[in-house]
Amino acid sequence: MTTAEGGSDGDAVLIRHGETAWSLSGQHTSTTDLPLTGNGRLAAQRLAPVLATMEWAMVLCSPRQRALQTCQLAGLGDRVRIEEDLAEWNYGAFEGLTSAEIDQRHPGWLLFEAGAPGGETPHQVGERVDRVIARVRNAEGRVALFAHGHVLRVFAARWIGLPPGHGRHFLLNTSTLSVLSYYRGIPAVKGWNAPGGEA
């Protein structure tokens, strides 16, 4: 259920995990299961006071430890449900590479258009995200989702009815909160890429 101007009843609150060594270096990280850095842990802890002010119908989290650690440090670990469909985009052969390294091998490559060799296509990620969106919209209240940069960017695009590739338009930093809601029953972006202490 939603309010006329976009209230909290059906909001999806997207939380990108805190900093890891590879997010800091710009390396593509999907299946590599890295922990948070010290800075990432501190940033995740700063999310807790904001999230504690909200009522939650459901808390969903990627199975990767960087997302789980963020969830736990942010104070919602006692109610989390692991959601495999929130795992990061599988980068296949590009795992561990920076964008500059990929550009040297494949000039002009864009993940949101071409996907990754040996990994996932935009369509495949979109299908996973659509399943999670269906769960969120069936929930009775606000849902927290702890996950990763690229999969959450696709989530935002699909929430408002755009193709998965349009996730390219939603930049997303680590340890941020974004809120997807409704405007008069129409899916809408209510807030995006806010530092945890400001959301």
N, C-alpha and C. Protein backbone atom coordinates (compact mmCIF):
# COMPACT_ATOMS: atom_id res chain seq x y z
N MET A 1 0.85 -1.18 0.00
CA MET A 1 0.00 0.00 0.00
C MET A 1 0.89 1.24 0.00
N THR A 2 0.50 2.26 -0.75
CA THR A 2 1.28 3.48 -0.83
C THR A 2 0.40 4.68 -0.55
N THR A 3 1.02 5.76 -0.13
CA THR A 3 0.29 7.01 0.06
C THR A 3 0.24 7.77 -1.25
N ALA A 4 -0.61 8.77 -1.32
CA ALA A 4 -0.83 9.47 -2.58
C ALA A 4 0.43 10.15 -3.10
N GLU A 5 1.22 10.74 -2.22
CA GLU A 5 2.39 11.48 -2.67
C GLU A 5 3.69 10.70 -2.53
N GLY A 6 3.61 9.43 -2.17
CA GLY A 6 4.83 8.64 -2.07
C GLY A 6 5.29 8.49 -0.64
N GLY A 7 4.52 7.80 0.18
CA GLY A 7 4.86 7.62 1.58
C GLY A 7 5.72 6.39 1.78
N SER A 8 5.82 5.94 3.04
CA SER A 8 6.77 4.90 3.39
C SER A 8 6.20 3.49 3.31
N ASP A 9 4.89 3.35 3.11
CA ASP A 9 4.27 2.02 3.23
C ASP A 9 4.86 0.99 2.29
N GLY A 10 5.21 1.38 1.08
CA GLY A 10 5.73 0.41 0.13
C GLY A 10 7.13 0.71 -0.33
N ASP A 11 7.87 1.51 0.44
CA ASP A 11 9.21 1.90 0.02
C ASP A 11 10.17 0.72 -0.03
N ALA A 12 11.08 0.77 -0.99
CA ALA A 12 12.25 -0.10 -1.01
C ALA A 12 13.45 0.76 -0.68
N VAL A 13 14.16 0.42 0.39
CA VAL A 13 15.34 1.17 0.80
C VAL A 13 16.57 0.36 0.39
N LEU A 14 17.31 0.88 -0.57
CA LEU A 14 18.48 0.20 -1.11
C LEU A 14 19.72 0.66 -0.37
N ILE A 15 20.49 -0.28 0.16
CA ILE A 15 21.72 0.04 0.88
C ILE A 15 22.88 -0.66 0.17
N ARG A 16 23.76 0.15 -0.41
CA ARG A 16 24.95 -0.45 -1.01
C ARG A 16 25.96 -0.72 0.10
N HIS A 17 26.62 -1.86 0.02
CA HIS A 17 27.57 -2.26 1.05
C HIS A 17 28.70 -1.25 1.21
N GLY A 18 29.41 -1.36 2.32
CA GLY A 18 30.54 -0.47 2.59
C GLY A 18 31.75 -0.80 1.73
N GLU A 19 32.75 0.02 1.90
CA GLU A 19 33.98 -0.08 1.10
C GLU A 19 34.70 -1.42 1.30
N THR A 20 35.21 -1.97 0.19
CA THR A 20 36.12 -3.12 0.22
C THR A 20 37.42 -2.70 -0.46
N ALA A 21 38.43 -3.55 -0.39
CA ALA A 21 39.70 -3.23 -1.05
C ALA A 21 39.50 -3.04 -2.55
N TRP A 22 38.61 -3.83 -3.14
CA TRP A 22 38.41 -3.75 -4.59
C TRP A 22 37.49 -2.60 -4.98
N SER A 23 36.53 -2.26 -4.16
CA SER A 23 35.73 -1.07 -4.50
C SER A 23 36.60 0.18 -4.43
N LEU A 24 37.57 0.17 -3.53
CA LEU A 24 38.50 1.29 -3.40
C LEU A 24 39.43 1.38 -4.61
N SER A 25 39.87 0.23 -5.12
CA SER A 25 40.80 0.22 -6.25
C SER A 25 40.08 0.27 -7.60
N GLY A 26 38.75 0.12 -7.59
CA GLY A 26 37.99 0.16 -8.83
C GLY A 26 37.93 -1.17 -9.57
N GLN A 27 38.26 -2.26 -8.89
CA GLN A 27 38.20 -3.59 -9.51
C GLN A 27 36.78 -4.12 -9.46
N HIS A 28 36.36 -4.74 -10.55
CA HIS A 28 35.02 -5.32 -10.61
C HIS A 28 34.94 -6.53 -9.68
N THR A 29 33.96 -6.51 -8.79
CA THR A 29 33.83 -7.53 -7.76
C THR A 29 32.43 -8.13 -7.79
N SER A 30 32.34 -9.38 -8.18
CA SER A 30 31.03 -10.04 -8.11
C SER A 30 31.13 -11.26 -7.21
N THR A 31 31.68 -12.36 -7.71
CA THR A 31 31.72 -13.59 -6.93
C THR A 31 32.87 -13.61 -5.92
N THR A 32 33.90 -12.78 -6.11
CA THR A 32 34.99 -12.71 -5.15
C THR A 32 34.43 -12.17 -3.83
N ASP A 33 34.58 -12.94 -2.76
CA ASP A 33 33.86 -12.63 -1.52
C ASP A 33 34.76 -11.88 -0.55
N LEU A 34 34.89 -10.59 -0.76
CA LEU A 34 35.78 -9.76 0.04
C LEU A 34 35.07 -9.19 1.27
N PRO A 35 35.81 -9.01 2.37
CA PRO A 35 35.23 -8.34 3.55
C PRO A 35 35.30 -6.83 3.40
N LEU A 36 34.66 -6.12 4.30
CA LEU A 36 34.77 -4.68 4.34
C LEU A 36 36.14 -4.24 4.85
N THR A 37 36.58 -3.08 4.40
CA THR A 37 37.77 -2.47 4.99
C THR A 37 37.38 -1.85 6.33
N GLY A 38 38.38 -1.35 7.05
CA GLY A 38 38.08 -0.65 8.30
C GLY A 38 37.18 0.54 8.07
N ASN A 39 37.45 1.31 7.02
CA ASN A 39 36.59 2.44 6.69
C ASN A 39 35.19 1.97 6.31
N GLY A 40 35.11 0.84 5.61
CA GLY A 40 33.81 0.30 5.23
C GLY A 40 32.99 -0.10 6.44
N ARG A 41 33.66 -0.66 7.45
CA ARG A 41 32.96 -1.05 8.68
C ARG A 41 32.44 0.18 9.43
N LEU A 42 33.26 1.21 9.50
CA LEU A 42 32.83 2.43 10.19
C LEU A 42 31.65 3.08 9.48
N ALA A 43 31.71 3.11 8.15
CA ALA A 43 30.61 3.70 7.39
C ALA A 43 29.32 2.90 7.56
N ALA A 44 29.44 1.57 7.61
CA ALA A 44 28.26 0.73 7.82
C ALA A 44 27.65 0.99 9.19
N GLN A 45 28.49 1.18 10.20
CA GLN A 45 27.99 1.47 11.54
C GLN A 45 27.23 2.80 11.58
N ARG A 46 27.65 3.75 10.76
CA ARG A 46 26.98 5.04 10.73
C ARG A 46 25.58 4.97 10.12
N LEU A 47 25.27 3.87 9.44
CA LEU A 47 23.93 3.68 8.90
C LEU A 47 22.92 3.32 10.00
N ALA A 48 23.41 2.75 11.09
CA ALA A 48 22.52 2.19 12.11
C ALA A 48 21.53 3.20 12.69
N PRO A 49 21.95 4.40 13.09
CA PRO A 49 20.97 5.33 13.68
C PRO A 49 19.84 5.70 12.72
N VAL A 50 20.16 5.81 11.44
CA VAL A 50 19.13 6.15 10.45
C VAL A 50 18.16 4.98 10.28
N LEU A 51 18.69 3.79 10.11
CA LEU A 51 17.83 2.63 9.88
C LEU A 51 17.01 2.27 11.11
N ALA A 52 17.51 2.60 12.29
CA ALA A 52 16.79 2.29 13.54
C ALA A 52 15.52 3.10 13.68
N THR A 53 15.39 4.19 12.95
CA THR A 53 14.20 5.03 13.05
C THR A 53 13.05 4.50 12.18
N MET A 54 13.31 3.45 11.40
CA MET A 54 12.32 2.97 10.44
C MET A 54 11.75 1.63 10.86
N GLU A 55 10.49 1.40 10.47
CA GLU A 55 9.84 0.10 10.66
C GLU A 55 10.09 -0.73 9.41
N TRP A 56 10.37 -2.02 9.61
CA TRP A 56 10.72 -2.88 8.48
C TRP A 56 9.78 -4.08 8.38
N ALA A 57 9.21 -4.26 7.20
CA ALA A 57 8.42 -5.47 6.95
C ALA A 57 9.33 -6.65 6.60
N MET A 58 10.48 -6.32 5.99
CA MET A 58 11.38 -7.37 5.54
C MET A 58 12.76 -6.77 5.32
N VAL A 59 13.79 -7.57 5.58
CA VAL A 59 15.18 -7.18 5.33
C VAL A 59 15.81 -8.25 4.47
N LEU A 60 16.21 -7.89 3.26
CA LEU A 60 16.80 -8.83 2.31
C LEU A 60 18.25 -8.46 2.07
N CYS A 61 19.10 -9.47 1.86
CA CYS A 61 20.53 -9.20 1.70
C CYS A 61 21.16 -10.18 0.72
N SER A 62 22.07 -9.66 -0.08
CA SER A 62 22.92 -10.49 -0.93
C SER A 62 23.67 -11.51 -0.05
N PRO A 63 24.03 -12.66 -0.61
CA PRO A 63 24.79 -13.65 0.17
C PRO A 63 26.25 -13.30 0.38
N ARG A 64 26.77 -12.28 -0.28
CA ARG A 64 28.19 -11.94 -0.17
C ARG A 64 28.49 -11.28 1.18
N GLN A 65 29.66 -11.60 1.73
CA GLN A 65 29.97 -11.15 3.10
C GLN A 65 30.03 -9.64 3.22
N ARG A 66 30.42 -8.92 2.17
CA ARG A 66 30.49 -7.47 2.27
C ARG A 66 29.11 -6.86 2.49
N ALA A 67 28.09 -7.47 1.88
CA ALA A 67 26.72 -7.01 2.10
C ALA A 67 26.21 -7.45 3.47
N LEU A 68 26.50 -8.68 3.86
CA LEU A 68 26.06 -9.19 5.16
C LEU A 68 26.70 -8.43 6.31
N GLN A 69 27.99 -8.13 6.18
CA GLN A 69 28.66 -7.36 7.22
C GLN A 69 28.04 -5.97 7.34
N THR A 70 27.72 -5.37 6.21
CA THR A 70 27.08 -4.06 6.24
C THR A 70 25.73 -4.13 6.95
N CYS A 71 24.95 -5.14 6.63
CA CYS A 71 23.65 -5.34 7.26
C CYS A 71 23.79 -5.51 8.77
N GLN A 72 24.74 -6.33 9.18
CA GLN A 72 24.93 -6.59 10.60
C GLN A 72 25.39 -5.34 11.34
N LEU A 73 26.37 -4.64 10.77
CA LEU A 73 26.89 -3.44 11.41
C LEU A 73 25.87 -2.31 11.43
N ALA A 74 24.95 -2.34 10.47
CA ALA A 74 23.90 -1.33 10.40
C ALA A 74 22.72 -1.65 11.32
N GLY A 75 22.80 -2.78 12.03
CA GLY A 75 21.81 -3.09 13.06
C GLY A 75 20.63 -3.93 12.64
N LEU A 76 20.64 -4.48 11.42
CA LEU A 76 19.49 -5.26 10.96
C LEU A 76 19.81 -6.74 10.76
N GLY A 77 20.95 -7.18 11.27
CA GLY A 77 21.36 -8.56 11.06
C GLY A 77 20.48 -9.60 11.72
N ASP A 78 19.74 -9.20 12.76
CA ASP A 78 18.91 -10.17 13.48
C ASP A 78 17.63 -10.53 12.73
N ARG A 79 17.32 -9.80 11.66
CA ARG A 79 16.08 -10.09 10.92
C ARG A 79 16.31 -10.32 9.45
N VAL A 80 17.58 -10.48 9.05
CA VAL A 80 17.92 -10.55 7.63
C VAL A 80 17.54 -11.90 7.01
N ARG A 81 17.12 -11.84 5.76
CA ARG A 81 16.90 -13.03 4.94
C ARG A 81 17.85 -12.95 3.74
N ILE A 82 18.58 -14.03 3.49
CA ILE A 82 19.50 -14.06 2.35
C ILE A 82 18.68 -14.18 1.07
N GLU A 83 19.00 -13.33 0.11
CA GLU A 83 18.31 -13.32 -1.18
C GLU A 83 19.36 -13.46 -2.29
N GLU A 84 19.45 -14.67 -2.86
CA GLU A 84 20.45 -14.95 -3.89
C GLU A 84 20.33 -14.00 -5.08
N ASP A 85 19.12 -13.57 -5.39
CA ASP A 85 18.92 -12.69 -6.55
C ASP A 85 19.49 -11.29 -6.35
N LEU A 86 19.94 -10.96 -5.13
CA LEU A 86 20.58 -9.67 -4.89
C LEU A 86 22.10 -9.72 -5.01
N ALA A 87 22.66 -10.88 -5.38
CA ALA A 87 24.10 -10.97 -5.61
C ALA A 87 24.50 -10.01 -6.73
N GLU A 88 25.74 -9.55 -6.70
CA GLU A 88 26.20 -8.61 -7.71
C GLU A 88 26.21 -9.25 -9.10
N TRP A 89 26.09 -8.40 -10.11
CA TRP A 89 26.21 -8.78 -11.51
C TRP A 89 27.44 -9.67 -11.65
N ASN A 90 27.29 -10.82 -12.27
CA ASN A 90 28.43 -11.72 -12.50
C ASN A 90 29.28 -11.18 -13.65
N TYR A 91 30.51 -10.79 -13.34
CA TYR A 91 31.39 -10.16 -14.33
C TYR A 91 32.19 -11.16 -15.16
N GLY A 92 32.06 -12.45 -14.86
CA GLY A 92 32.73 -13.46 -15.67
C GLY A 92 34.22 -13.21 -15.82
N ALA A 93 34.69 -13.11 -17.07
CA ALA A 93 36.12 -12.94 -17.36
C ALA A 93 36.65 -11.60 -16.90
N PHE A 94 35.77 -10.65 -16.58
CA PHE A 94 36.21 -9.33 -16.15
C PHE A 94 36.32 -9.19 -14.64
N GLU A 95 36.09 -10.28 -13.92
CA GLU A 95 36.21 -10.25 -12.46
C GLU A 95 37.62 -9.80 -12.06
N GLY A 96 37.68 -8.83 -11.16
CA GLY A 96 38.95 -8.36 -10.64
C GLY A 96 39.64 -7.31 -11.49
N LEU A 97 39.11 -7.01 -12.65
CA LEU A 97 39.72 -6.01 -13.53
C LEU A 97 39.10 -4.64 -13.30
N THR A 98 39.88 -3.60 -13.53
CA THR A 98 39.35 -2.24 -13.49
C THR A 98 38.75 -1.90 -14.85
N SER A 99 37.97 -0.83 -14.89
CA SER A 99 37.39 -0.40 -16.17
C SER A 99 38.48 -0.04 -17.17
N ALA A 100 39.57 0.57 -16.70
CA ALA A 100 40.66 0.93 -17.60
C ALA A 100 41.30 -0.32 -18.22
N GLU A 101 41.46 -1.36 -17.41
CA GLU A 101 42.04 -2.61 -17.93
C GLU A 101 41.11 -3.26 -18.95
N ILE A 102 39.82 -3.20 -18.68
CA ILE A 102 38.86 -3.78 -19.63
C ILE A 102 38.85 -2.98 -20.92
N ASP A 103 38.91 -1.65 -20.82
CA ASP A 103 38.91 -0.80 -22.01
C ASP A 103 40.10 -1.08 -22.91
N GLN A 104 41.24 -1.45 -22.32
CA GLN A 104 42.41 -1.78 -23.13
C GLN A 104 42.15 -3.00 -24.00
N ARG A 105 41.39 -3.95 -23.47
CA ARG A 105 41.11 -5.19 -24.20
C ARG A 105 39.88 -5.06 -25.10
N HIS A 106 38.90 -4.27 -24.61
CA HIS A 106 37.63 -4.13 -25.33
C HIS A 106 37.23 -2.66 -25.35
N PRO A 107 37.84 -1.86 -26.23
CA PRO A 107 37.55 -0.42 -26.26
C PRO A 107 36.05 -0.15 -26.43
N GLY A 108 35.56 0.80 -25.63
CA GLY A 108 34.15 1.16 -25.72
C GLY A 108 33.19 0.24 -24.99
N TRP A 109 33.71 -0.76 -24.30
CA TRP A 109 32.84 -1.71 -23.60
C TRP A 109 32.03 -1.00 -22.52
N LEU A 110 30.76 -1.37 -22.40
CA LEU A 110 29.89 -0.86 -21.35
C LEU A 110 29.08 -2.03 -20.80
N LEU A 111 29.22 -2.29 -19.52
CA LEU A 111 28.56 -3.42 -18.88
C LEU A 111 27.06 -3.41 -19.14
N PHE A 112 26.44 -2.23 -19.05
CA PHE A 112 24.98 -2.14 -19.16
C PHE A 112 24.48 -2.39 -20.58
N GLU A 113 25.37 -2.43 -21.55
CA GLU A 113 24.99 -2.78 -22.92
C GLU A 113 25.37 -4.21 -23.27
N ALA A 114 26.62 -4.57 -22.96
CA ALA A 114 27.16 -5.84 -23.46
C ALA A 114 27.19 -6.96 -22.43
N GLY A 115 27.03 -6.63 -21.15
CA GLY A 115 27.22 -7.66 -20.16
C GLY A 115 28.69 -8.02 -20.06
N ALA A 116 28.98 -9.21 -19.58
CA ALA A 116 30.37 -9.64 -19.39
C ALA A 116 30.57 -11.03 -19.97
N PRO A 117 31.67 -11.26 -20.70
CA PRO A 117 31.94 -12.59 -21.26
C PRO A 117 32.10 -13.63 -20.16
N GLY A 118 31.34 -14.70 -20.26
CA GLY A 118 31.36 -15.72 -19.23
C GLY A 118 30.57 -15.35 -17.99
N GLY A 119 29.94 -14.17 -18.02
CA GLY A 119 29.14 -13.71 -16.88
C GLY A 119 27.69 -13.53 -17.29
N GLU A 120 27.08 -12.45 -16.80
CA GLU A 120 25.65 -12.23 -17.06
C GLU A 120 25.41 -11.11 -18.06
N THR A 121 24.30 -11.21 -18.75
CA THR A 121 23.83 -10.16 -19.63
C THR A 121 22.93 -9.20 -18.84
N PRO A 122 22.68 -8.00 -19.37
CA PRO A 122 21.73 -7.11 -18.70
C PRO A 122 20.36 -7.76 -18.51
N HIS A 123 19.91 -8.51 -19.51
CA HIS A 123 18.61 -9.16 -19.41
C HIS A 123 18.57 -10.15 -18.25
N GLN A 124 19.63 -10.92 -18.07
CA GLN A 124 19.66 -11.90 -16.98
C GLN A 124 19.63 -11.22 -15.61
N VAL A 125 20.37 -10.13 -15.47
CA VAL A 125 20.34 -9.40 -14.21
C VAL A 125 18.96 -8.79 -13.99
N GLY A 126 18.37 -8.27 -15.07
CA GLY A 126 17.03 -7.71 -14.97
C GLY A 126 16.00 -8.74 -14.51
N GLU A 127 16.13 -9.97 -14.97
CA GLU A 127 15.20 -11.02 -14.54
C GLU A 127 15.32 -11.29 -13.05
N ARG A 128 16.56 -11.32 -12.55
CA ARG A 128 16.76 -11.52 -11.11
C ARG A 128 16.15 -10.37 -10.32
N VAL A 129 16.42 -9.17 -10.75
CA VAL A 129 15.91 -7.99 -10.06
C VAL A 129 14.38 -7.96 -10.07
N ASP A 130 13.78 -8.34 -11.17
CA ASP A 130 12.32 -8.34 -11.26
C ASP A 130 11.70 -9.28 -10.22
N ARG A 131 12.37 -10.39 -9.96
CA ARG A 131 11.85 -11.32 -8.94
C ARG A 131 11.89 -10.67 -7.56
N VAL A 132 12.96 -9.93 -7.27
CA VAL A 132 13.05 -9.25 -5.97
C VAL A 132 12.01 -8.14 -5.87
N ILE A 133 11.84 -7.39 -6.94
CA ILE A 133 10.83 -6.33 -6.93
C ILE A 133 9.44 -6.90 -6.65
N ALA A 134 9.14 -8.04 -7.22
CA ALA A 134 7.84 -8.68 -6.96
C ALA A 134 7.69 -9.00 -5.48
N ARG A 135 8.77 -9.48 -4.83
CA ARG A 135 8.71 -9.76 -3.39
C ARG A 135 8.49 -8.48 -2.59
N VAL A 136 9.20 -7.43 -2.98
CA VAL A 136 9.06 -6.16 -2.26
C VAL A 136 7.63 -5.63 -2.37
N ARG A 137 7.06 -5.71 -3.55
CA ARG A 137 5.72 -5.15 -3.75
C ARG A 137 4.63 -6.00 -3.11
N ASN A 138 4.94 -7.23 -2.76
CA ASN A 138 3.99 -8.07 -2.04
C ASN A 138 4.13 -7.95 -0.52
N ALA A 139 5.18 -7.24 -0.08
CA ALA A 139 5.40 -7.09 1.36
C ALA A 139 4.43 -6.07 1.94
N GLU A 140 4.13 -6.23 3.20
CA GLU A 140 3.24 -5.30 3.89
C GLU A 140 4.06 -4.24 4.62
N GLY A 141 4.69 -3.36 3.86
CA GLY A 141 5.48 -2.30 4.48
C GLY A 141 6.82 -2.10 3.81
N ARG A 142 7.67 -1.37 4.48
CA ARG A 142 8.97 -0.97 3.94
C ARG A 142 9.95 -2.15 3.97
N VAL A 143 10.79 -2.24 2.92
CA VAL A 143 11.75 -3.33 2.79
C VAL A 143 13.15 -2.76 2.63
N ALA A 144 14.10 -3.30 3.39
CA ALA A 144 15.51 -2.94 3.25
C ALA A 144 16.20 -3.98 2.38
N LEU A 145 17.05 -3.50 1.47
CA LEU A 145 17.78 -4.40 0.57
C LEU A 145 19.27 -4.03 0.61
N PHE A 146 20.09 -4.93 1.12
CA PHE A 146 21.53 -4.73 1.20
C PHE A 146 22.18 -5.46 0.03
N ALA A 147 22.85 -4.71 -0.83
CA ALA A 147 23.41 -5.36 -2.01
C ALA A 147 24.56 -4.53 -2.57
N HIS A 148 24.69 -4.50 -3.90
CA HIS A 148 25.89 -4.05 -4.59
C HIS A 148 25.56 -2.99 -5.63
N GLY A 149 26.60 -2.30 -6.08
CA GLY A 149 26.40 -1.16 -6.97
C GLY A 149 25.64 -1.44 -8.24
N HIS A 150 26.11 -2.38 -9.04
CA HIS A 150 25.49 -2.58 -10.35
C HIS A 150 24.11 -3.22 -10.26
N VAL A 151 23.95 -4.19 -9.37
CA VAL A 151 22.63 -4.83 -9.28
C VAL A 151 21.60 -3.84 -8.74
N LEU A 152 22.00 -2.96 -7.84
CA LEU A 152 21.04 -1.97 -7.31
C LEU A 152 20.72 -0.89 -8.34
N ARG A 153 21.66 -0.59 -9.21
CA ARG A 153 21.37 0.36 -10.29
C ARG A 153 20.35 -0.22 -11.27
N VAL A 154 20.47 -1.52 -11.55
CA VAL A 154 19.46 -2.18 -12.38
C VAL A 154 18.13 -2.20 -11.65
N PHE A 155 18.16 -2.43 -10.33
CA PHE A 155 16.94 -2.44 -9.52
C PHE A 155 16.19 -1.12 -9.68
N ALA A 156 16.91 -0.01 -9.59
CA ALA A 156 16.26 1.30 -9.72
C ALA A 156 15.62 1.46 -11.09
N ALA A 157 16.33 1.04 -12.13
CA ALA A 157 15.79 1.16 -13.48
C ALA A 157 14.52 0.32 -13.63
N ARG A 158 14.56 -0.90 -13.17
CA ARG A 158 13.41 -1.78 -13.32
C ARG A 158 12.23 -1.32 -12.43
N TRP A 159 12.52 -0.74 -11.28
CA TRP A 159 11.46 -0.25 -10.38
C TRP A 159 10.57 0.75 -11.10
N ILE A 160 11.20 1.62 -11.91
CA ILE A 160 10.41 2.65 -12.60
C ILE A 160 10.09 2.26 -14.05
N GLY A 161 10.26 0.99 -14.37
CA GLY A 161 9.81 0.47 -15.65
C GLY A 161 10.76 0.65 -16.81
N LEU A 162 12.03 0.97 -16.53
CA LEU A 162 13.00 1.12 -17.60
C LEU A 162 13.74 -0.20 -17.85
N PRO A 163 14.32 -0.38 -19.03
CA PRO A 163 15.11 -1.59 -19.30
C PRO A 163 16.32 -1.67 -18.37
N PRO A 164 16.84 -2.88 -18.14
CA PRO A 164 17.98 -3.03 -17.22
C PRO A 164 19.17 -2.15 -17.58
N GLY A 165 19.43 -1.96 -18.87
CA GLY A 165 20.57 -1.16 -19.29
C GLY A 165 20.52 0.28 -18.84
N HIS A 166 19.33 0.77 -18.48
CA HIS A 166 19.20 2.14 -18.03
C HIS A 166 19.75 2.34 -16.61
N GLY A 167 20.19 1.27 -15.99
CA GLY A 167 20.90 1.40 -14.72
C GLY A 167 22.15 2.24 -14.85
N ARG A 168 22.62 2.43 -16.09
CA ARG A 168 23.81 3.26 -16.32
C ARG A 168 23.59 4.70 -15.84
N HIS A 169 22.34 5.12 -15.73
CA HIS A 169 22.03 6.51 -15.37
C HIS A 169 21.99 6.75 -13.86
N PHE A 170 22.18 5.70 -13.06
CA PHE A 170 22.07 5.82 -11.60
C PHE A 170 23.42 5.52 -10.96
N LEU A 171 24.24 6.54 -10.73
CA LEU A 171 25.52 6.34 -10.05
C LEU A 171 25.28 6.05 -8.58
N LEU A 172 26.13 5.18 -8.01
CA LEU A 172 25.86 4.73 -6.64
C LEU A 172 27.18 4.49 -5.91
N ASN A 173 27.38 5.21 -4.82
CA ASN A 173 28.58 5.06 -4.00
C ASN A 173 28.39 3.99 -2.94
N THR A 174 29.50 3.58 -2.31
CA THR A 174 29.41 2.63 -1.20
C THR A 174 28.80 3.31 0.03
N SER A 175 28.21 2.49 0.88
CA SER A 175 27.63 2.94 2.16
C SER A 175 26.61 4.05 1.98
N THR A 176 25.75 3.89 0.98
CA THR A 176 24.72 4.90 0.73
C THR A 176 23.33 4.29 0.85
N LEU A 177 22.36 5.17 1.07
CA LEU A 177 20.95 4.79 1.11
C LEU A 177 20.23 5.44 -0.06
N SER A 178 19.36 4.66 -0.69
CA SER A 178 18.49 5.18 -1.75
C SER A 178 17.08 4.68 -1.47
N VAL A 179 16.09 5.49 -1.78
CA VAL A 179 14.71 5.13 -1.48
C VAL A 179 13.88 5.15 -2.75
N LEU A 180 13.24 4.04 -3.03
CA LEU A 180 12.31 3.93 -4.15
C LEU A 180 10.91 3.85 -3.58
N SER A 181 10.00 4.62 -4.14
CA SER A 181 8.66 4.71 -3.58
C SER A 181 7.65 4.83 -4.71
N TYR A 182 6.60 5.61 -4.47
CA TYR A 182 5.52 5.78 -5.45
C TYR A 182 5.03 7.23 -5.43
N TYR A 183 4.61 7.70 -6.57
CA TYR A 183 3.92 8.97 -6.68
C TYR A 183 2.55 8.69 -7.29
N ARG A 184 1.51 8.83 -6.47
CA ARG A 184 0.14 8.53 -6.89
C ARG A 184 0.03 7.14 -7.55
N GLY A 185 0.67 6.19 -6.91
CA GLY A 185 0.63 4.82 -7.39
C GLY A 185 1.62 4.49 -8.49
N ILE A 186 2.39 5.49 -8.94
CA ILE A 186 3.37 5.29 -10.00
C ILE A 186 4.74 5.10 -9.37
N PRO A 187 5.46 4.02 -9.69
CA PRO A 187 6.79 3.83 -9.12
C PRO A 187 7.69 5.03 -9.39
N ALA A 188 8.42 5.46 -8.36
CA ALA A 188 9.23 6.68 -8.46
C ALA A 188 10.48 6.56 -7.60
N VAL A 189 11.46 7.38 -7.92
CA VAL A 189 12.68 7.49 -7.11
C VAL A 189 12.46 8.63 -6.11
N LYS A 190 12.53 8.30 -4.84
CA LYS A 190 12.29 9.29 -3.79
C LYS A 190 13.58 9.92 -3.30
N GLY A 191 14.64 9.15 -3.24
CA GLY A 191 15.94 9.65 -2.81
C GLY A 191 17.01 8.75 -3.36
N TRP A 192 18.19 9.32 -3.68
CA TRP A 192 19.21 8.49 -4.34
C TRP A 192 20.61 8.83 -3.85
N ASN A 193 21.39 7.79 -3.56
CA ASN A 193 22.83 7.89 -3.31
C ASN A 193 23.16 8.83 -2.13
N ALA A 194 22.34 8.78 -1.11
CA ALA A 194 22.56 9.64 0.05
C ALA A 194 23.54 8.98 1.02
N PRO A 195 24.56 9.71 1.50
CA PRO A 195 25.41 9.16 2.56
C PRO A 195 24.56 8.71 3.72
N GLY A 196 24.93 7.61 4.36
CA GLY A 196 24.08 7.00 5.37
C GLY A 196 23.61 7.91 6.46
N GLY A 197 24.44 8.84 6.90
CA GLY A 197 24.07 9.73 7.97
C GLY A 197 23.12 10.84 7.55
N GLU A 198 22.84 10.95 6.24
CA GLU A 198 22.02 12.05 5.75
C GLU A 198 20.66 11.61 5.22
N ALA A 199 20.43 10.32 5.13
CA ALA A 199 19.18 9.85 4.51
C ALA A 199 18.00 10.05 5.43
